[in-house]
Amino acid sequence: MSAASIAAVLEWSLDQLWGDRYRSSLPLAGVEGTVSNRLEDAPLPVRAKTGTLTGVRTLSGYVEDRENEPAIVFSCLLSNLTGDHEAVATDRIDDLVESIIETAALE
């Protein structure tokens, strides 16, 4: 699947009866699960799921506004990573998500 396809499914899920329950089941960055030590300084809450394999790093989910409502849907998929690129991929994804939040002027 492409990042656009994953983001489209995440967006679609928001309109489903179970959408809020699904979104709230995703770990809160800086607090829970595989994102407990990520995006701790993000200016808004992020709920997301990671994916990690050799040479692959992914993060997809939602940025929430100050009222904990979904404001941005995102999906970052990096593959064919080697060496230094693989070592810094997670940090680069987190930088991108923080930049998206800042650019969207949701603060």
PDB file of N, CA and C in Angstrom:
ATOM      1  N   MET A   1       0.844  -1.191   0.000  1.00  0.00           N
ATOM      2  CA  MET A   1       0.000   0.000   0.000  1.00  0.00           C
ATOM      3  C   MET A   1       0.878   1.240   0.000  1.00  0.00           C
ATOM      4  N   SER A   2       0.357   2.284  -0.566  1.00  0.00           N
ATOM      5  CA  SER A   2       1.058   3.562  -0.557  1.00  0.00           C
ATOM      6  C   SER A   2       0.690   4.347   0.707  1.00  0.00           C
ATOM      7  N   ALA A   3       1.492   5.355   0.999  1.00  0.00           N
ATOM      8  CA  ALA A   3       1.173   6.229   2.128  1.00  0.00           C
ATOM      9  C   ALA A   3      -0.170   6.917   1.902  1.00  0.00           C
ATOM     10  N   ALA A   4      -0.447   7.301   0.654  1.00  0.00           N
ATOM     11  CA  ALA A   4      -1.721   7.945   0.347  1.00  0.00           C
ATOM     12  C   ALA A   4      -2.891   7.003   0.611  1.00  0.00           C
ATOM     13  N   SER A   5      -2.723   5.722   0.295  1.00  0.00           N
ATOM     14  CA  SER A   5      -3.792   4.744   0.543  1.00  0.00           C
ATOM     15  C   SER A   5      -4.037   4.566   2.033  1.00  0.00           C
ATOM     16  N   ILE A   6      -2.981   4.478   2.796  1.00  0.00           N
ATOM     17  CA  ILE A   6      -3.126   4.325   4.244  1.00  0.00           C
ATOM     18  C   ILE A   6      -3.797   5.568   4.834  1.00  0.00           C
ATOM     19  N   ALA A   7      -3.363   6.746   4.410  1.00  0.00           N
ATOM     20  CA  ALA A   7      -3.978   7.980   4.897  1.00  0.00           C
ATOM     21  C   ALA A   7      -5.454   8.037   4.514  1.00  0.00           C
ATOM     22  N   ALA A   8      -5.793   7.565   3.328  1.00  0.00           N
ATOM     23  CA  ALA A   8      -7.199   7.563   2.897  1.00  0.00           C
ATOM     24  C   ALA A   8      -8.038   6.643   3.783  1.00  0.00           C
ATOM     25  N   VAL A   9      -7.508   5.491   4.142  1.00  0.00           N
ATOM     26  CA  VAL A   9      -8.233   4.578   5.030  1.00  0.00           C
ATOM     27  C   VAL A   9      -8.388   5.205   6.417  1.00  0.00           C
ATOM     28  N   LEU A  10      -7.331   5.839   6.911  1.00  0.00           N
ATOM     29  CA  LEU A  10      -7.421   6.506   8.213  1.00  0.00           C
ATOM     30  C   LEU A  10      -8.462   7.625   8.179  1.00  0.00           C
ATOM     31  N   GLU A  11      -8.482   8.381   7.103  1.00  0.00           N
ATOM     32  CA  GLU A  11      -9.476   9.453   6.948  1.00  0.00           C
ATOM     33  C   GLU A  11     -10.884   8.873   6.887  1.00  0.00           C
ATOM     34  N   TRP A  12     -11.068   7.825   6.101  1.00  0.00           N
ATOM     35  CA  TRP A  12     -12.365   7.165   5.965  1.00  0.00           C
ATOM     36  C   TRP A  12     -12.860   6.667   7.324  1.00  0.00           C
ATOM     37  N   SER A  13     -11.943   6.119   8.127  1.00  0.00           N
ATOM     38  CA  SER A  13     -12.354   5.553   9.415  1.00  0.00           C
ATOM     39  C   SER A  13     -12.953   6.603  10.346  1.00  0.00           C
ATOM     40  N   LEU A  14     -12.580   7.861  10.159  1.00  0.00           N
ATOM     41  CA  LEU A  14     -13.119   8.924  11.010  1.00  0.00           C
ATOM     42  C   LEU A  14     -14.633   9.067  10.868  1.00  0.00           C
ATOM     43  N   ASP A  15     -15.166   8.703   9.709  1.00  0.00           N
ATOM     44  CA  ASP A  15     -16.604   8.839   9.461  1.00  0.00           C
ATOM     45  C   ASP A  15     -17.401   7.588   9.824  1.00  0.00           C
ATOM     46  N   GLN A  16     -16.728   6.568  10.325  1.00  0.00           N
ATOM     47  CA  GLN A  16     -17.407   5.327  10.685  1.00  0.00           C
ATOM     48  C   GLN A  16     -17.896   5.404  12.135  1.00  0.00           C
ATOM     49  N   LEU A  17     -18.902   4.632  12.455  1.00  0.00           N
ATOM     50  CA  LEU A  17     -19.437   4.614  13.821  1.00  0.00           C
ATOM     51  C   LEU A  17     -18.361   4.273  14.845  1.00  0.00           C
ATOM     52  N   TRP A  18     -17.415   3.464  14.447  1.00  0.00           N
ATOM     53  CA  TRP A  18     -16.349   3.015  15.338  1.00  0.00           C
ATOM     54  C   TRP A  18     -15.092   3.880  15.221  1.00  0.00           C
ATOM     55  N   GLY A  19     -15.141   4.957  14.444  1.00  0.00           N
ATOM     56  CA  GLY A  19     -13.968   5.773  14.159  1.00  0.00           C
ATOM     57  C   GLY A  19     -13.289   6.360  15.387  1.00  0.00           C
ATOM     58  N   ASP A  20     -14.070   6.927  16.293  1.00  0.00           N
ATOM     59  CA  ASP A  20     -13.468   7.513  17.498  1.00  0.00           C
ATOM     60  C   ASP A  20     -12.821   6.440  18.367  1.00  0.00           C
ATOM     61  N   ARG A  21     -13.478   5.297  18.470  1.00  0.00           N
ATOM     62  CA  ARG A  21     -12.925   4.194  19.260  1.00  0.00           C
ATOM     63  C   ARG A  21     -11.613   3.700  18.652  1.00  0.00           C
ATOM     64  N   TYR A  22     -11.597   3.577  17.326  1.00  0.00           N
ATOM     65  CA  TYR A  22     -10.370   3.143  16.642  1.00  0.00           C
ATOM     66  C   TYR A  22      -9.239   4.141  16.879  1.00  0.00           C
ATOM     67  N   ARG A  23      -9.525   5.429  16.642  1.00  0.00           N
ATOM     68  CA  ARG A  23      -8.487   6.452  16.805  1.00  0.00           C
ATOM     69  C   ARG A  23      -7.945   6.461  18.225  1.00  0.00           C
ATOM     70  N   SER A  24      -8.821   6.362  19.206  1.00  0.00           N
ATOM     71  CA  SER A  24      -8.365   6.384  20.600  1.00  0.00           C
ATOM     72  C   SER A  24      -7.620   5.108  20.993  1.00  0.00           C
ATOM     73  N   SER A  25      -7.737   4.060  20.183  1.00  0.00           N
ATOM     74  CA  SER A  25      -6.993   2.829  20.470  1.00  0.00           C
ATOM     75  C   SER A  25      -5.524   2.937  20.062  1.00  0.00           C
ATOM     76  N   LEU A  26      -5.208   3.909  19.214  1.00  0.00           N
ATOM     77  CA  LEU A  26      -3.815   4.087  18.799  1.00  0.00           C
ATOM     78  C   LEU A  26      -3.025   4.708  19.943  1.00  0.00           C
ATOM     79  N   PRO A  27      -1.778   4.293  20.116  1.00  0.00           N
ATOM     80  CA  PRO A  27      -0.977   4.834  21.211  1.00  0.00           C
ATOM     81  C   PRO A  27      -0.742   6.337  21.070  1.00  0.00           C
ATOM     82  N   LEU A  28      -0.721   7.016  22.194  1.00  0.00           N
ATOM     83  CA  LEU A  28      -0.451   8.441  22.253  1.00  0.00           C
ATOM     84  C   LEU A  28       1.059   8.658  22.302  1.00  0.00           C
ATOM     85  N   ALA A  29       1.579   9.393  21.332  1.00  0.00           N
ATOM     86  CA  ALA A  29       3.023   9.640  21.266  1.00  0.00           C
ATOM     87  C   ALA A  29       3.519  10.310  22.540  1.00  0.00           C
ATOM     88  N   GLY A  30       4.681   9.864  22.987  1.00  0.00           N
ATOM     89  CA  GLY A  30       5.281  10.397  24.201  1.00  0.00           C
ATOM     90  C   GLY A  30       4.742   9.779  25.470  1.00  0.00           C
ATOM     91  N   VAL A  31       3.762   8.848  25.332  1.00  0.00           N
ATOM     92  CA  VAL A  31       3.106   8.291  26.517  1.00  0.00           C
ATOM     93  C   VAL A  31       2.987   6.767  26.457  1.00  0.00           C
ATOM     94  N   GLU A  32       2.551   6.222  25.327  1.00  0.00           N
ATOM     95  CA  GLU A  32       2.149   4.815  25.275  1.00  0.00           C
ATOM     96  C   GLU A  32       2.835   4.048  24.132  1.00  0.00           C
ATOM     97  N   GLY A  33       2.909   2.756  24.308  1.00  0.00           N
ATOM     98  CA  GLY A  33       3.267   1.838  23.238  1.00  0.00           C
ATOM     99  C   GLY A  33       4.587   2.130  22.547  1.00  0.00           C
ATOM    100  N   THR A  34       4.631   1.786  21.255  1.00  0.00           N
ATOM    101  CA  THR A  34       5.873   1.929  20.494  1.00  0.00           C
ATOM    102  C   THR A  34       6.218   3.382  20.188  1.00  0.00           C
ATOM    103  N   VAL A  35       5.327   4.298  20.519  1.00  0.00           N
ATOM    104  CA  VAL A  35       5.622   5.725  20.343  1.00  0.00           C
ATOM    105  C   VAL A  35       5.809   6.431  21.683  1.00  0.00           C
ATOM    106  N   SER A  36       6.019   5.654  22.743  1.00  0.00           N
ATOM    107  CA  SER A  36       6.135   6.243  24.082  1.00  0.00           C
ATOM    108  C   SER A  36       7.330   7.175  24.224  1.00  0.00           C
ATOM    109  N   ASN A  37       8.369   6.955  23.432  1.00  0.00           N
ATOM    110  CA  ASN A  37       9.550   7.820  23.515  1.00  0.00           C
ATOM    111  C   ASN A  37       9.722   8.654  22.242  1.00  0.00           C
ATOM    112  N   ARG A  38       8.631   8.866  21.523  1.00  0.00           N
ATOM    113  CA  ARG A  38       8.688   9.624  20.273  1.00  0.00           C
ATOM    114  C   ARG A  38       7.740  10.818  20.329  1.00  0.00           C
ATOM    115  N   LEU A  39       8.113  11.871  19.613  1.00  0.00           N
ATOM    116  CA  LEU A  39       7.291  13.075  19.471  1.00  0.00           C
ATOM    117  C   LEU A  39       6.871  13.653  20.817  1.00  0.00           C
ATOM    118  N   GLU A  40       7.741  13.501  21.790  1.00  0.00           N
ATOM    119  CA  GLU A  40       7.435  13.998  23.137  1.00  0.00           C
ATOM    120  C   GLU A  40       7.298  15.520  23.178  1.00  0.00           C
ATOM    121  N   ASP A  41       7.964  16.213  22.266  1.00  0.00           N
ATOM    122  CA  ASP A  41       7.911  17.674  22.239  1.00  0.00           C
ATOM    123  C   ASP A  41       6.977  18.211  21.164  1.00  0.00           C
ATOM    124  N   ALA A  42       6.202  17.340  20.554  1.00  0.00           N
ATOM    125  CA  ALA A  42       5.258  17.796  19.531  1.00  0.00           C
ATOM    126  C   ALA A  42       4.275  18.769  20.161  1.00  0.00           C
ATOM    127  N   PRO A  43       3.951  19.846  19.445  1.00  0.00           N
ATOM    128  CA  PRO A  43       3.070  20.864  20.026  1.00  0.00           C
ATOM    129  C   PRO A  43       1.612  20.428  20.169  1.00  0.00           C
ATOM    130  N   LEU A  44       1.233  19.325  19.546  1.00  0.00           N
ATOM    131  CA  LEU A  44      -0.126  18.793  19.657  1.00  0.00           C
ATOM    132  C   LEU A  44      -0.059  17.279  19.835  1.00  0.00           C
ATOM    133  N   PRO A  45      -1.119  16.673  20.378  1.00  0.00           N
ATOM    134  CA  PRO A  45      -1.135  15.221  20.558  1.00  0.00           C
ATOM    135  C   PRO A  45      -1.086  14.478  19.218  1.00  0.00           C
ATOM    136  N   VAL A  46      -0.331  13.385  19.204  1.00  0.00           N
ATOM    137  CA  VAL A  46      -0.228  12.523  18.025  1.00  0.00           C
ATOM    138  C   VAL A  46      -0.584  11.112  18.452  1.00  0.00           C
ATOM    139  N   ARG A  47      -1.509  10.492  17.734  1.00  0.00           N
ATOM    140  CA  ARG A  47      -1.860   9.084  17.926  1.00  0.00           C
ATOM    141  C   ARG A  47      -1.428   8.360  16.672  1.00  0.00           C
ATOM    142  N   ALA A  48      -0.552   7.355  16.829  1.00  0.00           N
ATOM    143  CA  ALA A  48       0.016   6.740  15.632  1.00  0.00           C
ATOM    144  C   ALA A  48       0.482   5.320  15.883  1.00  0.00           C
ATOM    145  N   LYS A  49       0.628   4.596  14.785  1.00  0.00           N
ATOM    146  CA  LYS A  49       1.136   3.226  14.795  1.00  0.00           C
ATOM    147  C   LYS A  49       2.435   3.193  14.019  1.00  0.00           C
ATOM    148  N   THR A  50       3.418   2.534  14.580  1.00  0.00           N
ATOM    149  CA  THR A  50       4.717   2.384  13.930  1.00  0.00           C
ATOM    150  C   THR A  50       4.769   1.084  13.141  1.00  0.00           C
ATOM    151  N   GLY A  51       5.761   1.007  12.294  1.00  0.00           N
ATOM    152  CA  GLY A  51       6.089  -0.227  11.599  1.00  0.00           C
ATOM    153  C   GLY A  51       7.586  -0.242  11.388  1.00  0.00           C
ATOM    154  N   THR A  52       8.225  -1.341  11.766  1.00  0.00           N
ATOM    155  CA  THR A  52       9.677  -1.424  11.654  1.00  0.00           C
ATOM    156  C   THR A  52      10.088  -2.803  11.191  1.00  0.00           C
ATOM    157  N   LEU A  53      10.849  -2.836  10.139  1.00  0.00           N
ATOM    158  CA  LEU A  53      11.511  -4.034   9.630  1.00  0.00           C
ATOM    159  C   LEU A  53      12.913  -3.605   9.221  1.00  0.00           C
ATOM    160  N   THR A  54      13.787  -4.531   8.938  1.00  0.00           N
ATOM    161  CA  THR A  54      15.103  -4.177   8.436  1.00  0.00           C
ATOM    162  C   THR A  54      14.936  -3.356   7.156  1.00  0.00           C
ATOM    163  N   GLY A  55      15.466  -2.157   7.167  1.00  0.00           N
ATOM    164  CA  GLY A  55      15.399  -1.291   6.005  1.00  0.00           C
ATOM    165  C   GLY A  55      14.093  -0.554   5.827  1.00  0.00           C
ATOM    166  N   VAL A  56      13.168  -0.676   6.790  1.00  0.00           N
ATOM    167  CA  VAL A  56      11.848  -0.048   6.672  1.00  0.00           C
ATOM    168  C   VAL A  56      11.483   0.633   7.991  1.00  0.00           C
ATOM    169  N   ARG A  57      10.965   1.857   7.881  1.00  0.00           N
ATOM    170  CA  ARG A  57      10.432   2.573   9.040  1.00  0.00           C
ATOM    171  C   ARG A  57       9.146   3.258   8.592  1.00  0.00           C
ATOM    172  N   THR A  58       8.078   3.138   9.399  1.00  0.00           N
ATOM    173  CA  THR A  58       6.814   3.768   9.055  1.00  0.00           C
ATOM    174  C   THR A  58       6.161   4.375  10.297  1.00  0.00           C
ATOM    175  N   LEU A  59       5.311   5.339  10.057  1.00  0.00           N
ATOM    176  CA  LEU A  59       4.490   5.928  11.108  1.00  0.00           C
ATOM    177  C   LEU A  59       3.255   6.504  10.432  1.00  0.00           C
ATOM    178  N   SER A  60       2.092   6.093  10.905  1.00  0.00           N
ATOM    179  CA  SER A  60       0.830   6.566  10.340  1.00  0.00           C
ATOM    180  C   SER A  60      -0.149   6.827  11.473  1.00  0.00           C
ATOM    181  N   GLY A  61      -0.945   7.875  11.322  1.00  0.00           N
ATOM    182  CA  GLY A  61      -1.927   8.157  12.360  1.00  0.00           C
ATOM    183  C   GLY A  61      -2.546   9.525  12.234  1.00  0.00           C
ATOM    184  N   TYR A  62      -2.802  10.122  13.384  1.00  0.00           N
ATOM    185  CA  TYR A  62      -3.547  11.371  13.467  1.00  0.00           C
ATOM    186  C   TYR A  62      -2.824  12.372  14.360  1.00  0.00           C
ATOM    187  N   VAL A  63      -2.882  13.626  13.975  1.00  0.00           N
ATOM    188  CA  VAL A  63      -2.539  14.731  14.859  1.00  0.00           C
ATOM    189  C   VAL A  63      -3.870  15.255  15.358  1.00  0.00           C
ATOM    190  N   GLU A  64      -3.980  15.436  16.668  1.00  0.00           N
ATOM    191  CA  GLU A  64      -5.214  15.937  17.259  1.00  0.00           C
ATOM    192  C   GLU A  64      -5.067  17.402  17.620  1.00  0.00           C
ATOM    193  N   ASP A  65      -6.177  18.123  17.609  1.00  0.00           N
ATOM    194  CA  ASP A  65      -6.139  19.523  18.009  1.00  0.00           C
ATOM    195  C   ASP A  65      -6.187  19.629  19.532  1.00  0.00           C
ATOM    196  N   ARG A  66      -6.289  20.833  20.040  1.00  0.00           N
ATOM    197  CA  ARG A  66      -6.281  21.062  21.502  1.00  0.00           C
ATOM    198  C   ARG A  66      -7.476  20.423  22.203  1.00  0.00           C
ATOM    199  N   GLU A  67      -8.539  20.138  21.457  1.00  0.00           N
ATOM    200  CA  GLU A  67      -9.726  19.485  22.028  1.00  0.00           C
ATOM    201  C   GLU A  67      -9.702  17.974  21.800  1.00  0.00           C
ATOM    202  N   ASN A  68      -8.541  17.461  21.397  1.00  0.00           N
ATOM    203  CA  ASN A  68      -8.346  16.030  21.121  1.00  0.00           C
ATOM    204  C   ASN A  68      -9.226  15.511  19.992  1.00  0.00           C
ATOM    205  N   GLU A  69      -9.542  16.378  19.049  1.00  0.00           N
ATOM    206  CA  GLU A  69     -10.264  15.977  17.845  1.00  0.00           C
ATOM    207  C   GLU A  69      -9.253  15.804  16.710  1.00  0.00           C
ATOM    208  N   PRO A  70      -9.496  14.888  15.781  1.00  0.00           N
ATOM    209  CA  PRO A  70      -8.539  14.679  14.691  1.00  0.00           C
ATOM    210  C   PRO A  70      -8.449  15.917  13.800  1.00  0.00           C
ATOM    211  N   ALA A  71      -7.225  16.377  13.566  1.00  0.00           N
ATOM    212  CA  ALA A  71      -7.013  17.575  12.750  1.00  0.00           C
ATOM    213  C   ALA A  71      -6.219  17.269  11.482  1.00  0.00           C
ATOM    214  N   ILE A  72      -5.310  16.308  11.566  1.00  0.00           N
ATOM    215  CA  ILE A  72      -4.458  15.943  10.431  1.00  0.00           C
ATOM    216  C   ILE A  72      -4.327  14.428  10.396  1.00  0.00           C
ATOM    217  N   VAL A  73      -4.432  13.870   9.212  1.00  0.00           N
ATOM    218  CA  VAL A  73      -4.169  12.450   8.984  1.00  0.00           C
ATOM    219  C   VAL A  73      -2.841  12.371   8.243  1.00  0.00           C
ATOM    220  N   PHE A  74      -1.964  11.459   8.647  1.00  0.00           N
ATOM    221  CA  PHE A  74      -0.667  11.357   7.971  1.00  0.00           C
ATOM    222  C   PHE A  74      -0.215   9.909   7.867  1.00  0.00           C
ATOM    223  N   SER A  75       0.672   9.672   6.927  1.00  0.00           N
ATOM    224  CA  SER A  75       1.316   8.372   6.791  1.00  0.00           C
ATOM    225  C   SER A  75       2.680   8.575   6.149  1.00  0.00           C
ATOM    226  N   CYS A  76       3.717   8.119   6.832  1.00  0.00           N
ATOM    227  CA  CYS A  76       5.090   8.199   6.333  1.00  0.00           C
ATOM    228  C   CYS A  76       5.623   6.781   6.208  1.00  0.00           C
ATOM    229  N   LEU A  77       6.029   6.406   5.014  1.00  0.00           N
ATOM    230  CA  LEU A  77       6.565   5.072   4.755  1.00  0.00           C
ATOM    231  C   LEU A  77       7.932   5.216   4.113  1.00  0.00           C
ATOM    232  N   LEU A  78       8.958   4.742   4.769  1.00  0.00           N
ATOM    233  CA  LEU A  78      10.314   4.774   4.227  1.00  0.00           C
ATOM    234  C   LEU A  78      10.804   3.340   4.049  1.00  0.00           C
ATOM    235  N   SER A  79      11.378   3.059   2.890  1.00  0.00           N
ATOM    236  CA  SER A  79      11.888   1.701   2.650  1.00  0.00           C
ATOM    237  C   SER A  79      13.216   1.767   1.900  1.00  0.00           C
ATOM    238  N   ASN A  80      13.833   0.618   1.755  1.00  0.00           N
ATOM    239  CA  ASN A  80      15.148   0.497   1.112  1.00  0.00           C
ATOM    240  C   ASN A  80      16.204   1.310   1.852  1.00  0.00           C
ATOM    241  N   LEU A  81      16.059   1.402   3.158  1.00  0.00           N
ATOM    242  CA  LEU A  81      16.999   2.161   3.978  1.00  0.00           C
ATOM    243  C   LEU A  81      18.219   1.308   4.298  1.00  0.00           C
ATOM    244  N   THR A  82      19.381   1.910   4.214  1.00  0.00           N
ATOM    245  CA  THR A  82      20.614   1.225   4.590  1.00  0.00           C
ATOM    246  C   THR A  82      21.501   2.170   5.378  1.00  0.00           C
ATOM    247  N   GLY A  83      22.421   1.595   6.129  1.00  0.00           N
ATOM    248  CA  GLY A  83      23.442   2.367   6.829  1.00  0.00           C
ATOM    249  C   GLY A  83      22.905   3.521   7.634  1.00  0.00           C
ATOM    250  N   ASP A  84      23.532   4.691   7.429  1.00  0.00           N
ATOM    251  CA  ASP A  84      23.158   5.885   8.185  1.00  0.00           C
ATOM    252  C   ASP A  84      21.712   6.299   7.937  1.00  0.00           C
ATOM    253  N   HIS A  85      21.200   6.055   6.736  1.00  0.00           N
ATOM    254  CA  HIS A  85      19.813   6.417   6.435  1.00  0.00           C
ATOM    255  C   HIS A  85      18.845   5.637   7.325  1.00  0.00           C
ATOM    256  N   GLU A  86      19.145   4.366   7.533  1.00  0.00           N
ATOM    257  CA  GLU A  86      18.286   3.565   8.401  1.00  0.00           C
ATOM    258  C   GLU A  86      18.414   4.025   9.850  1.00  0.00           C
ATOM    259  N   ALA A  87      19.615   4.381  10.248  1.00  0.00           N
ATOM    260  CA  ALA A  87      19.860   4.774  11.635  1.00  0.00           C
ATOM    261  C   ALA A  87      19.112   6.046  12.031  1.00  0.00           C
ATOM    262  N   VAL A  88      18.883   6.951  11.088  1.00  0.00           N
ATOM    263  CA  VAL A  88      18.241   8.229  11.420  1.00  0.00           C
ATOM    264  C   VAL A  88      16.805   8.325  10.916  1.00  0.00           C
ATOM    265  N   ALA A  89      16.290   7.287  10.292  1.00  0.00           N
ATOM    266  CA  ALA A  89      14.965   7.348   9.658  1.00  0.00           C
ATOM    267  C   ALA A  89      13.851   7.700  10.645  1.00  0.00           C
ATOM    268  N   THR A  90      13.865   7.087  11.809  1.00  0.00           N
ATOM    269  CA  THR A  90      12.816   7.357  12.802  1.00  0.00           C
ATOM    270  C   THR A  90      12.835   8.823  13.218  1.00  0.00           C
ATOM    271  N   ASP A  91      14.011   9.362  13.452  1.00  0.00           N
ATOM    272  CA  ASP A  91      14.119  10.782  13.817  1.00  0.00           C
ATOM    273  C   ASP A  91      13.633  11.679  12.690  1.00  0.00           C
ATOM    274  N   ARG A  92      13.943  11.324  11.449  1.00  0.00           N
ATOM    275  CA  ARG A  92      13.503  12.141  10.302  1.00  0.00           C
ATOM    276  C   ARG A  92      11.975  12.114  10.161  1.00  0.00           C
ATOM    277  N   ILE A  93      11.371  10.946  10.392  1.00  0.00           N
ATOM    278  CA  ILE A  93       9.908  10.869  10.342  1.00  0.00           C
ATOM    279  C   ILE A  93       9.309  11.762  11.424  1.00  0.00           C
ATOM    280  N   ASP A  94       9.851  11.691  12.626  1.00  0.00           N
ATOM    281  CA  ASP A  94       9.339  12.527  13.715  1.00  0.00           C
ATOM    282  C   ASP A  94       9.514  14.010  13.392  1.00  0.00           C
ATOM    283  N   ASP A  95      10.646  14.380  12.799  1.00  0.00           N
ATOM    284  CA  ASP A  95      10.859  15.773  12.390  1.00  0.00           C
ATOM    285  C   ASP A  95       9.800  16.201  11.376  1.00  0.00           C
ATOM    286  N   LEU A  96       9.486  15.309  10.439  1.00  0.00           N
ATOM    287  CA  LEU A  96       8.484  15.623   9.425  1.00  0.00           C
ATOM    288  C   LEU A  96       7.107  15.843  10.056  1.00  0.00           C
ATOM    289  N   VAL A  97       6.720  14.966  10.974  1.00  0.00           N
ATOM    290  CA  VAL A  97       5.419  15.115  11.625  1.00  0.00           C
ATOM    291  C   VAL A  97       5.365  16.424  12.411  1.00  0.00           C
ATOM    292  N   GLU A  98       6.428  16.759  13.121  1.00  0.00           N
ATOM    293  CA  GLU A  98       6.455  18.032  13.851  1.00  0.00           C
ATOM    294  C   GLU A  98       6.371  19.212  12.891  1.00  0.00           C
ATOM    295  N   SER A  99       7.027  19.126  11.742  1.00  0.00           N
ATOM    296  CA  SER A  99       6.969  20.198  10.742  1.00  0.00           C
ATOM    297  C   SER A  99       5.561  20.337  10.173  1.00  0.00           C
ATOM    298  N   ILE A 100       4.880  19.217   9.962  1.00  0.00           N
ATOM    299  CA  ILE A 100       3.507  19.253   9.470  1.00  0.00           C
ATOM    300  C   ILE A 100       2.623  19.997  10.468  1.00  0.00           C
ATOM    301  N   ILE A 101       2.790  19.690  11.748  1.00  0.00           N
ATOM    302  CA  ILE A 101       1.996  20.355  12.783  1.00  0.00           C
ATOM    303  C   ILE A 101       2.264  21.857  12.775  1.00  0.00           C
ATOM    304  N   GLU A 102       3.525  22.232  12.740  1.00  0.00           N
ATOM    305  CA  GLU A 102       3.888  23.652  12.771  1.00  0.00           C
ATOM    306  C   GLU A 102       3.387  24.376  11.525  1.00  0.00           C
ATOM    307  N   THR A 103       3.488  23.756  10.366  1.00  0.00           N
ATOM    308  CA  THR A 103       3.049  24.356   9.115  1.00  0.00           C
ATOM    309  C   THR A 103       1.537  24.530   9.079  1.00  0.00           C
ATOM    310  N   ALA A 104       0.820  23.594   9.682  1.00  0.00           N
ATOM    311  CA  ALA A 104      -0.641  23.652   9.666  1.00  0.00           C
ATOM    312  C   ALA A 104      -1.177  24.756  10.576  1.00  0.00           C
ATOM    313  N   ALA A 105      -0.341  25.336  11.409  1.00  0.00           N
ATOM    314  CA  ALA A 105      -0.732  26.431  12.307  1.00  0.00           C
ATOM    315  C   ALA A 105      -1.955  26.066  13.139  1.00  0.00           C
ATOM    316  N   LEU A 106      -1.911  24.875  13.739  1.00  0.00           N
ATOM    317  CA  LEU A 106      -3.029  24.415  14.571  1.00  0.00           C
ATOM    318  C   LEU A 106      -2.836  24.784  16.040  1.00  0.00           C
ATOM    319  N   GLU A 107      -1.712  25.300  16.366  1.00  0.00           N
ATOM    320  CA  GLU A 107      -1.415  25.559  17.779  1.00  0.00           C
ATOM    321  C   GLU A 107      -2.246  26.667  18.353  1.00  0.00           C
TER     322      GLU A 107
END
